[in-house]
Amino acid sequence: MTASAELSMYPLISDYEQPIIDFIHRLRSFSGVTVATNGLSTQLTGEYDAVMEAITEALRPSMAAETTVSVVIKVLNVGIDPGAAVVV
């Protein structure tokens, strides 16, 4: 089953860029998922298990860090072409 997820990470520190960049690099290290970014979010597309594993494992270091982060995750049960309209 194909799935997509849209993630937005908000580190609650003034120097917020690096934790986001590190998170995106970790997401990109997983095979089986397509990762696209824009100014507001990161989108993943692939098989459901691969998408959820990438999110879980890439997010683990961020959650274990001393920096407080808020992460908003939306999961869709369709594949998306980043930047294109979702047709259902």
PDB file of N, CA and C in Angstrom:
ATOM      1  N   MET A   1       0.849  -1.170   0.000  1.00  0.00           N
ATOM      2  CA  MET A   1       0.000   0.000   0.000  1.00  0.00           C
ATOM      3  C   MET A   1       0.895   1.234   0.000  1.00  0.00           C
ATOM      4  N   THR A   2       0.626   2.136  -0.926  1.00  0.00           N
ATOM      5  CA  THR A   2       1.390   3.375  -1.044  1.00  0.00           C
ATOM      6  C   THR A   2       0.848   4.402  -0.059  1.00  0.00           C
ATOM      7  N   ALA A   3       1.755   5.165   0.532  1.00  0.00           N
ATOM      8  CA  ALA A   3       1.369   6.209   1.479  1.00  0.00           C
ATOM      9  C   ALA A   3       2.292   7.407   1.293  1.00  0.00           C
ATOM     10  N   SER A   4       1.827   8.527   1.773  1.00  0.00           N
ATOM     11  CA  SER A   4       2.626   9.751   1.768  1.00  0.00           C
ATOM     12  C   SER A   4       2.488  10.417   3.125  1.00  0.00           C
ATOM     13  N   ALA A   5       3.494  11.176   3.480  1.00  0.00           N
ATOM     14  CA  ALA A   5       3.448  11.925   4.733  1.00  0.00           C
ATOM     15  C   ALA A   5       4.033  13.301   4.484  1.00  0.00           C
ATOM     16  N   GLU A   6       3.467  14.282   5.160  1.00  0.00           N
ATOM     17  CA  GLU A   6       3.991  15.641   5.126  1.00  0.00           C
ATOM     18  C   GLU A   6       4.392  15.994   6.544  1.00  0.00           C
ATOM     19  N   LEU A   7       5.636  16.431   6.716  1.00  0.00           N
ATOM     20  CA  LEU A   7       6.160  16.725   8.044  1.00  0.00           C
ATOM     21  C   LEU A   7       6.656  18.160   8.118  1.00  0.00           C
ATOM     22  N   SER A   8       6.375  18.792   9.236  1.00  0.00           N
ATOM     23  CA  SER A   8       6.928  20.114   9.531  1.00  0.00           C
ATOM     24  C   SER A   8       7.522  20.055  10.930  1.00  0.00           C
ATOM     25  N   MET A   9       8.800  20.401  11.036  1.00  0.00           N
ATOM     26  CA  MET A   9       9.489  20.373  12.324  1.00  0.00           C
ATOM     27  C   MET A   9       9.750  21.799  12.790  1.00  0.00           C
ATOM     28  N   TYR A  10       9.481  22.027  14.069  1.00  0.00           N
ATOM     29  CA  TYR A  10       9.682  23.343  14.666  1.00  0.00           C
ATOM     30  C   TYR A  10      10.541  23.214  15.920  1.00  0.00           C
ATOM     31  N   PRO A  11      11.881  23.306  15.796  1.00  0.00           N
ATOM     32  CA  PRO A  11      12.728  23.332  16.986  1.00  0.00           C
ATOM     33  C   PRO A  11      12.469  24.628  17.752  1.00  0.00           C
ATOM     34  N   LEU A  12      12.323  24.521  19.038  1.00  0.00           N
ATOM     35  CA  LEU A  12      11.979  25.689  19.850  1.00  0.00           C
ATOM     36  C   LEU A  12      13.237  26.377  20.377  1.00  0.00           C
ATOM     37  N   ILE A  13      14.091  26.769  19.426  1.00  0.00           N
ATOM     38  CA  ILE A  13      15.320  27.497  19.721  1.00  0.00           C
ATOM     39  C   ILE A  13      15.516  28.548  18.627  1.00  0.00           C
ATOM     40  N   SER A  14      16.330  29.553  18.906  1.00  0.00           N
ATOM     41  CA  SER A  14      16.546  30.610  17.913  1.00  0.00           C
ATOM     42  C   SER A  14      17.361  30.114  16.716  1.00  0.00           C
ATOM     43  N   ASP A  15      18.279  29.171  16.930  1.00  0.00           N
ATOM     44  CA  ASP A  15      19.094  28.616  15.851  1.00  0.00           C
ATOM     45  C   ASP A  15      18.438  27.310  15.387  1.00  0.00           C
ATOM     46  N   TYR A  16      17.271  27.433  14.764  1.00  0.00           N
ATOM     47  CA  TYR A  16      16.428  26.279  14.462  1.00  0.00           C
ATOM     48  C   TYR A  16      16.802  25.547  13.171  1.00  0.00           C
ATOM     49  N   GLU A  17      17.631  26.142  12.312  1.00  0.00           N
ATOM     50  CA  GLU A  17      17.881  25.553  10.999  1.00  0.00           C
ATOM     51  C   GLU A  17      18.584  24.200  11.058  1.00  0.00           C
ATOM     52  N   GLN A  18      19.630  24.082  11.857  1.00  0.00           N
ATOM     53  CA  GLN A  18      20.451  22.869  11.845  1.00  0.00           C
ATOM     54  C   GLN A  18      19.683  21.621  12.267  1.00  0.00           C
ATOM     55  N   PRO A  19      18.865  21.656  13.325  1.00  0.00           N
ATOM     56  CA  PRO A  19      18.099  20.439  13.639  1.00  0.00           C
ATOM     57  C   PRO A  19      17.183  20.004  12.495  1.00  0.00           C
ATOM     58  N   ILE A  20      16.625  20.942  11.755  1.00  0.00           N
ATOM     59  CA  ILE A  20      15.760  20.606  10.624  1.00  0.00           C
ATOM     60  C   ILE A  20      16.588  19.982   9.498  1.00  0.00           C
ATOM     61  N   ILE A  21      17.716  20.586   9.182  1.00  0.00           N
ATOM     62  CA  ILE A  21      18.595  20.059   8.135  1.00  0.00           C
ATOM     63  C   ILE A  21      19.059  18.651   8.472  1.00  0.00           C
ATOM     64  N   ASP A  22      19.454  18.436   9.726  1.00  0.00           N
ATOM     65  CA  ASP A  22      19.896  17.103  10.156  1.00  0.00           C
ATOM     66  C   ASP A  22      18.777  16.079   9.996  1.00  0.00           C
ATOM     67  N   PHE A  23      17.560  16.454  10.359  1.00  0.00           N
ATOM     68  CA  PHE A  23      16.401  15.573  10.236  1.00  0.00           C
ATOM     69  C   PHE A  23      16.148  15.209   8.770  1.00  0.00           C
ATOM     70  N   ILE A  24      16.206  16.187   7.890  1.00  0.00           N
ATOM     71  CA  ILE A  24      15.985  15.931   6.467  1.00  0.00           C
ATOM     72  C   ILE A  24      17.069  15.008   5.906  1.00  0.00           C
ATOM     73  N   HIS A  25      18.319  15.220   6.306  1.00  0.00           N
ATOM     74  CA  HIS A  25      19.402  14.329   5.856  1.00  0.00           C
ATOM     75  C   HIS A  25      19.156  12.894   6.316  1.00  0.00           C
ATOM     76  N   ARG A  26      18.684  12.733   7.544  1.00  0.00           N
ATOM     77  CA  ARG A  26      18.386  11.373   8.022  1.00  0.00           C
ATOM     78  C   ARG A  26      17.254  10.758   7.208  1.00  0.00           C
ATOM     79  N   LEU A  27      16.213  11.528   6.902  1.00  0.00           N
ATOM     80  CA  LEU A  27      15.111  11.006   6.083  1.00  0.00           C
ATOM     81  C   LEU A  27      15.613  10.550   4.716  1.00  0.00           C
ATOM     82  N   ARG A  28      16.507  11.310   4.127  1.00  0.00           N
ATOM     83  CA  ARG A  28      17.014  10.986   2.792  1.00  0.00           C
ATOM     84  C   ARG A  28      17.908   9.750   2.777  1.00  0.00           C
ATOM     85  N   SER A  29      18.341   9.293   3.930  1.00  0.00           N
ATOM     86  CA  SER A  29      19.220   8.118   3.975  1.00  0.00           C
ATOM     87  C   SER A  29      18.456   6.805   3.825  1.00  0.00           C
ATOM     88  N   PHE A  30      17.128   6.847   3.845  1.00  0.00           N
ATOM     89  CA  PHE A  30      16.325   5.628   3.764  1.00  0.00           C
ATOM     90  C   PHE A  30      15.990   5.296   2.318  1.00  0.00           C
ATOM     91  N   SER A  31      16.196   4.036   1.967  1.00  0.00           N
ATOM     92  CA  SER A  31      15.799   3.603   0.626  1.00  0.00           C
ATOM     93  C   SER A  31      14.305   3.280   0.647  1.00  0.00           C
ATOM     94  N   GLY A  32      13.698   3.346  -0.496  1.00  0.00           N
ATOM     95  CA  GLY A  32      12.283   3.004  -0.595  1.00  0.00           C
ATOM     96  C   GLY A  32      11.340   4.161  -0.357  1.00  0.00           C
ATOM     97  N   VAL A  33      11.881   5.344  -0.052  1.00  0.00           N
ATOM     98  CA  VAL A  33      11.023   6.520   0.113  1.00  0.00           C
ATOM     99  C   VAL A  33      11.575   7.658  -0.750  1.00  0.00           C
ATOM    100  N   THR A  34      10.669   8.422  -1.310  1.00  0.00           N
ATOM    101  CA  THR A  34      11.036   9.625  -2.041  1.00  0.00           C
ATOM    102  C   THR A  34      10.837  10.796  -1.089  1.00  0.00           C
ATOM    103  N   VAL A  35      11.841  11.654  -0.986  1.00  0.00           N
ATOM    104  CA  VAL A  35      11.794  12.790  -0.069  1.00  0.00           C
ATOM    105  C   VAL A  35      11.899  14.075  -0.881  1.00  0.00           C
ATOM    106  N   ALA A  36      10.959  14.985  -0.661  1.00  0.00           N
ATOM    107  CA  ALA A  36      10.985  16.302  -1.307  1.00  0.00           C
ATOM    108  C   ALA A  36      10.760  17.355  -0.232  1.00  0.00           C
ATOM    109  N   THR A  37      11.412  18.492  -0.390  1.00  0.00           N
ATOM    110  CA  THR A  37      11.267  19.566   0.590  1.00  0.00           C
ATOM    111  C   THR A  37      10.812  20.847  -0.085  1.00  0.00           C
ATOM    112  N   ASN A  38      10.186  21.693   0.709  1.00  0.00           N
ATOM    113  CA  ASN A  38       9.890  23.057   0.292  1.00  0.00           C
ATOM    114  C   ASN A  38      10.081  23.942   1.516  1.00  0.00           C
ATOM    115  N   GLY A  39       9.733  25.195   1.432  1.00  0.00           N
ATOM    116  CA  GLY A  39       9.956  26.121   2.529  1.00  0.00           C
ATOM    117  C   GLY A  39       9.138  25.851   3.784  1.00  0.00           C
ATOM    118  N   LEU A  40       8.103  25.043   3.664  1.00  0.00           N
ATOM    119  CA  LEU A  40       7.212  24.805   4.801  1.00  0.00           C
ATOM    120  C   LEU A  40       7.219  23.385   5.335  1.00  0.00           C
ATOM    121  N   SER A  41       7.582  22.414   4.480  1.00  0.00           N
ATOM    122  CA  SER A  41       7.465  21.035   4.932  1.00  0.00           C
ATOM    123  C   SER A  41       8.344  20.105   4.112  1.00  0.00           C
ATOM    124  N   THR A  42       8.354  18.859   4.542  1.00  0.00           N
ATOM    125  CA  THR A  42       9.041  17.785   3.844  1.00  0.00           C
ATOM    126  C   THR A  42       8.007  16.712   3.543  1.00  0.00           C
ATOM    127  N   GLN A  43       8.014  16.219   2.301  1.00  0.00           N
ATOM    128  CA  GLN A  43       7.066  15.176   1.915  1.00  0.00           C
ATOM    129  C   GLN A  43       7.817  13.875   1.650  1.00  0.00           C
ATOM    130  N   LEU A  44       7.223  12.776   2.113  1.00  0.00           N
ATOM    131  CA  LEU A  44       7.747  11.438   1.861  1.00  0.00           C
ATOM    132  C   LEU A  44       6.675  10.645   1.134  1.00  0.00           C
ATOM    133  N   THR A  45       7.098   9.830   0.189  1.00  0.00           N
ATOM    134  CA  THR A  45       6.187   8.947  -0.509  1.00  0.00           C
ATOM    135  C   THR A  45       6.865   7.596  -0.681  1.00  0.00           C
ATOM    136  N   GLY A  46       6.098   6.540  -0.518  1.00  0.00           N
ATOM    137  CA  GLY A  46       6.611   5.185  -0.703  1.00  0.00           C
ATOM    138  C   GLY A  46       5.620   4.195  -0.142  1.00  0.00           C
ATOM    139  N   GLU A  47       6.079   2.974   0.036  1.00  0.00           N
ATOM    140  CA  GLU A  47       5.235   1.979   0.683  1.00  0.00           C
ATOM    141  C   GLU A  47       5.036   2.392   2.144  1.00  0.00           C
ATOM    142  N   TYR A  48       3.857   2.139   2.665  1.00  0.00           N
ATOM    143  CA  TYR A  48       3.483   2.586   4.008  1.00  0.00           C
ATOM    144  C   TYR A  48       4.545   2.238   5.050  1.00  0.00           C
ATOM    145  N   ASP A  49       4.958   0.974   5.100  1.00  0.00           N
ATOM    146  CA  ASP A  49       5.929   0.563   6.119  1.00  0.00           C
ATOM    147  C   ASP A  49       7.253   1.312   5.981  1.00  0.00           C
ATOM    148  N   ALA A  50       7.693   1.543   4.748  1.00  0.00           N
ATOM    149  CA  ALA A  50       8.949   2.265   4.530  1.00  0.00           C
ATOM    150  C   ALA A  50       8.830   3.720   4.970  1.00  0.00           C
ATOM    151  N   VAL A  51       7.699   4.355   4.664  1.00  0.00           N
ATOM    152  CA  VAL A  51       7.474   5.745   5.066  1.00  0.00           C
ATOM    153  C   VAL A  51       7.461   5.858   6.589  1.00  0.00           C
ATOM    154  N   MET A  52       6.723   4.971   7.240  1.00  0.00           N
ATOM    155  CA  MET A  52       6.613   5.052   8.702  1.00  0.00           C
ATOM    156  C   MET A  52       7.936   4.713   9.388  1.00  0.00           C
ATOM    157  N   GLU A  53       8.692   3.757   8.838  1.00  0.00           N
ATOM    158  CA  GLU A  53      10.001   3.435   9.404  1.00  0.00           C
ATOM    159  C   GLU A  53      10.954   4.623   9.271  1.00  0.00           C
ATOM    160  N   ALA A  54      10.954   5.271   8.106  1.00  0.00           N
ATOM    161  CA  ALA A  54      11.823   6.428   7.901  1.00  0.00           C
ATOM    162  C   ALA A  54      11.492   7.543   8.893  1.00  0.00           C
ATOM    163  N   ILE A  55      10.200   7.801   9.083  1.00  0.00           N
ATOM    164  CA  ILE A  55       9.793   8.836  10.041  1.00  0.00           C
ATOM    165  C   ILE A  55      10.244   8.466  11.447  1.00  0.00           C
ATOM    166  N   THR A  56       9.963   7.239  11.863  1.00  0.00           N
ATOM    167  CA  THR A  56      10.295   6.798  13.222  1.00  0.00           C
ATOM    168  C   THR A  56      11.791   6.884  13.494  1.00  0.00           C
ATOM    169  N   GLU A  57      12.586   6.329  12.593  1.00  0.00           N
ATOM    170  CA  GLU A  57      14.026   6.272  12.831  1.00  0.00           C
ATOM    171  C   GLU A  57      14.708   7.623  12.646  1.00  0.00           C
ATOM    172  N   ALA A  58      14.253   8.425  11.689  1.00  0.00           N
ATOM    173  CA  ALA A  58      14.856   9.745  11.482  1.00  0.00           C
ATOM    174  C   ALA A  58      14.486  10.715  12.600  1.00  0.00           C
ATOM    175  N   LEU A  59      13.328  10.511  13.180  1.00  0.00           N
ATOM    176  CA  LEU A  59      12.870  11.404  14.239  1.00  0.00           C
ATOM    177  C   LEU A  59      13.478  11.062  15.600  1.00  0.00           C
ATOM    178  N   ARG A  60      13.893   9.805  15.782  1.00  0.00           N
ATOM    179  CA  ARG A  60      14.418   9.358  17.082  1.00  0.00           C
ATOM    180  C   ARG A  60      15.528  10.255  17.634  1.00  0.00           C
ATOM    181  N   PRO A  61      16.577  10.602  16.870  1.00  0.00           N
ATOM    182  CA  PRO A  61      17.622  11.484  17.424  1.00  0.00           C
ATOM    183  C   PRO A  61      17.103  12.866  17.800  1.00  0.00           C
ATOM    184  N   SER A  62      16.152  13.380  17.045  1.00  0.00           N
ATOM    185  CA  SER A  62      15.581  14.695  17.369  1.00  0.00           C
ATOM    186  C   SER A  62      14.827  14.640  18.692  1.00  0.00           C
ATOM    187  N   MET A  63      14.122  13.552  18.919  1.00  0.00           N
ATOM    188  CA  MET A  63      13.362  13.407  20.163  1.00  0.00           C
ATOM    189  C   MET A  63      14.271  13.163  21.361  1.00  0.00           C
ATOM    190  N   ALA A  64      15.422  12.555  21.114  1.00  0.00           N
ATOM    191  CA  ALA A  64      16.360  12.268  22.199  1.00  0.00           C
ATOM    192  C   ALA A  64      17.260  13.465  22.529  1.00  0.00           C
ATOM    193  N   ALA A  65      17.295  14.460  21.653  1.00  0.00           N
ATOM    194  CA  ALA A  65      18.167  15.624  21.857  1.00  0.00           C
ATOM    195  C   ALA A  65      17.635  16.513  22.974  1.00  0.00           C
ATOM    196  N   GLU A  66      18.477  17.401  23.440  1.00  0.00           N
ATOM    197  CA  GLU A  66      18.080  18.331  24.498  1.00  0.00           C
ATOM    198  C   GLU A  66      17.148  19.426  23.987  1.00  0.00           C
ATOM    199  N   THR A  67      17.200  19.705  22.689  1.00  0.00           N
ATOM    200  CA  THR A  67      16.356  20.743  22.101  1.00  0.00           C
ATOM    201  C   THR A  67      14.915  20.255  22.036  1.00  0.00           C
ATOM    202  N   THR A  68      13.993  21.069  22.487  1.00  0.00           N
ATOM    203  CA  THR A  68      12.574  20.738  22.372  1.00  0.00           C
ATOM    204  C   THR A  68      12.133  20.989  20.938  1.00  0.00           C
ATOM    205  N   VAL A  69      11.437  20.014  20.357  1.00  0.00           N
ATOM    206  CA  VAL A  69      10.921  20.176  19.000  1.00  0.00           C
ATOM    207  C   VAL A  69       9.440  19.825  18.969  1.00  0.00           C
ATOM    208  N   SER A  70       8.739  20.517  18.095  1.00  0.00           N
ATOM    209  CA  SER A  70       7.358  20.186  17.791  1.00  0.00           C
ATOM    210  C   SER A  70       7.359  19.688  16.348  1.00  0.00           C
ATOM    211  N   VAL A  71       6.674  18.570  16.102  1.00  0.00           N
ATOM    212  CA  VAL A  71       6.617  18.011  14.755  1.00  0.00           C
ATOM    213  C   VAL A  71       5.155  17.771  14.394  1.00  0.00           C
ATOM    214  N   VAL A  72       4.756  18.310  13.253  1.00  0.00           N
ATOM    215  CA  VAL A  72       3.408  18.097  12.740  1.00  0.00           C
ATOM    216  C   VAL A  72       3.522  17.105  11.593  1.00  0.00           C
ATOM    217  N   ILE A  73       2.746  16.021  11.667  1.00  0.00           N
ATOM    218  CA  ILE A  73       2.801  14.968  10.646  1.00  0.00           C
ATOM    219  C   ILE A  73       1.398  14.709  10.114  1.00  0.00           C
ATOM    220  N   LYS A  74       1.278  14.760   8.794  1.00  0.00           N
ATOM    221  CA  LYS A  74       0.029  14.392   8.129  1.00  0.00           C
ATOM    222  C   LYS A  74       0.327  13.174   7.274  1.00  0.00           C
ATOM    223  N   VAL A  75      -0.510  12.146   7.373  1.00  0.00           N
ATOM    224  CA  VAL A  75      -0.306  10.912   6.620  1.00  0.00           C
ATOM    225  C   VAL A  75      -1.492  10.707   5.685  1.00  0.00           C
ATOM    226  N   LEU A  76      -1.185  10.412   4.416  1.00  0.00           N
ATOM    227  CA  LEU A  76      -2.211  10.165   3.407  1.00  0.00           C
ATOM    228  C   LEU A  76      -2.101   8.725   2.931  1.00  0.00           C
ATOM    229  N   ASN A  77      -3.215   8.142   2.566  1.00  0.00           N
ATOM    230  CA  ASN A  77      -3.194   6.767   2.069  1.00  0.00           C
ATOM    231  C   ASN A  77      -3.132   6.718   0.549  1.00  0.00           C
ATOM    232  N   VAL A  78      -2.452   7.677  -0.034  1.00  0.00           N
ATOM    233  CA  VAL A  78      -2.184   7.727  -1.484  1.00  0.00           C
ATOM    234  C   VAL A  78      -0.766   8.217  -1.679  1.00  0.00           C
ATOM    235  N   GLY A  79      -0.185   7.896  -2.821  1.00  0.00           N
ATOM    236  CA  GLY A  79       1.105   8.451  -3.174  1.00  0.00           C
ATOM    237  C   GLY A  79       0.900   9.854  -3.712  1.00  0.00           C
ATOM    238  N   ILE A  80       1.846  10.732  -3.458  1.00  0.00           N
ATOM    239  CA  ILE A  80       1.746  12.087  -3.986  1.00  0.00           C
ATOM    240  C   ILE A  80       2.971  12.381  -4.844  1.00  0.00           C
ATOM    241  N   ASP A  81       2.772  13.246  -5.792  1.00  0.00           N
ATOM    242  CA  ASP A  81       3.860  13.802  -6.578  1.00  0.00           C
ATOM    243  C   ASP A  81       4.074  15.188  -5.973  1.00  0.00           C
ATOM    244  N   PRO A  82       5.143  15.398  -5.196  1.00  0.00           N
ATOM    245  CA  PRO A  82       5.329  16.677  -4.515  1.00  0.00           C
ATOM    246  C   PRO A  82       5.131  17.865  -5.449  1.00  0.00           C
ATOM    247  N   GLY A  83       4.318  18.792  -4.993  1.00  0.00           N
ATOM    248  CA  GLY A  83       4.020  19.988  -5.751  1.00  0.00           C
ATOM    249  C   GLY A  83       2.824  19.855  -6.666  1.00  0.00           C
ATOM    250  N   ALA A  84       2.312  18.642  -6.826  1.00  0.00           N
ATOM    251  CA  ALA A  84       1.157  18.426  -7.694  1.00  0.00           C
ATOM    252  C   ALA A  84      -0.097  18.277  -6.835  1.00  0.00           C
ATOM    253  N   ALA A  85      -1.243  18.506  -7.431  1.00  0.00           N
ATOM    254  CA  ALA A  85      -2.508  18.324  -6.721  1.00  0.00           C
ATOM    255  C   ALA A  85      -2.732  16.838  -6.460  1.00  0.00           C
ATOM    256  N   VAL A  86      -3.309  16.527  -5.306  1.00  0.00           N
ATOM    257  CA  VAL A  86      -3.634  15.148  -4.975  1.00  0.00           C
ATOM    258  C   VAL A  86      -4.995  14.825  -5.580  1.00  0.00           C
ATOM    259  N   VAL A  87      -5.014  13.818  -6.409  1.00  0.00           N
ATOM    260  CA  VAL A  87      -6.254  13.401  -7.065  1.00  0.00           C
ATOM    261  C   VAL A  87      -6.706  12.106  -6.427  1.00  0.00           C
ATOM    262  N   VAL A  88      -7.925  12.106  -5.895  1.00  0.00           N
ATOM    263  CA  VAL A  88      -8.448  10.890  -5.245  1.00  0.00           C
ATOM    264  C   VAL A  88      -9.676  10.381  -5.951  1.00  0.00           C
TER     265      VAL A  88
END
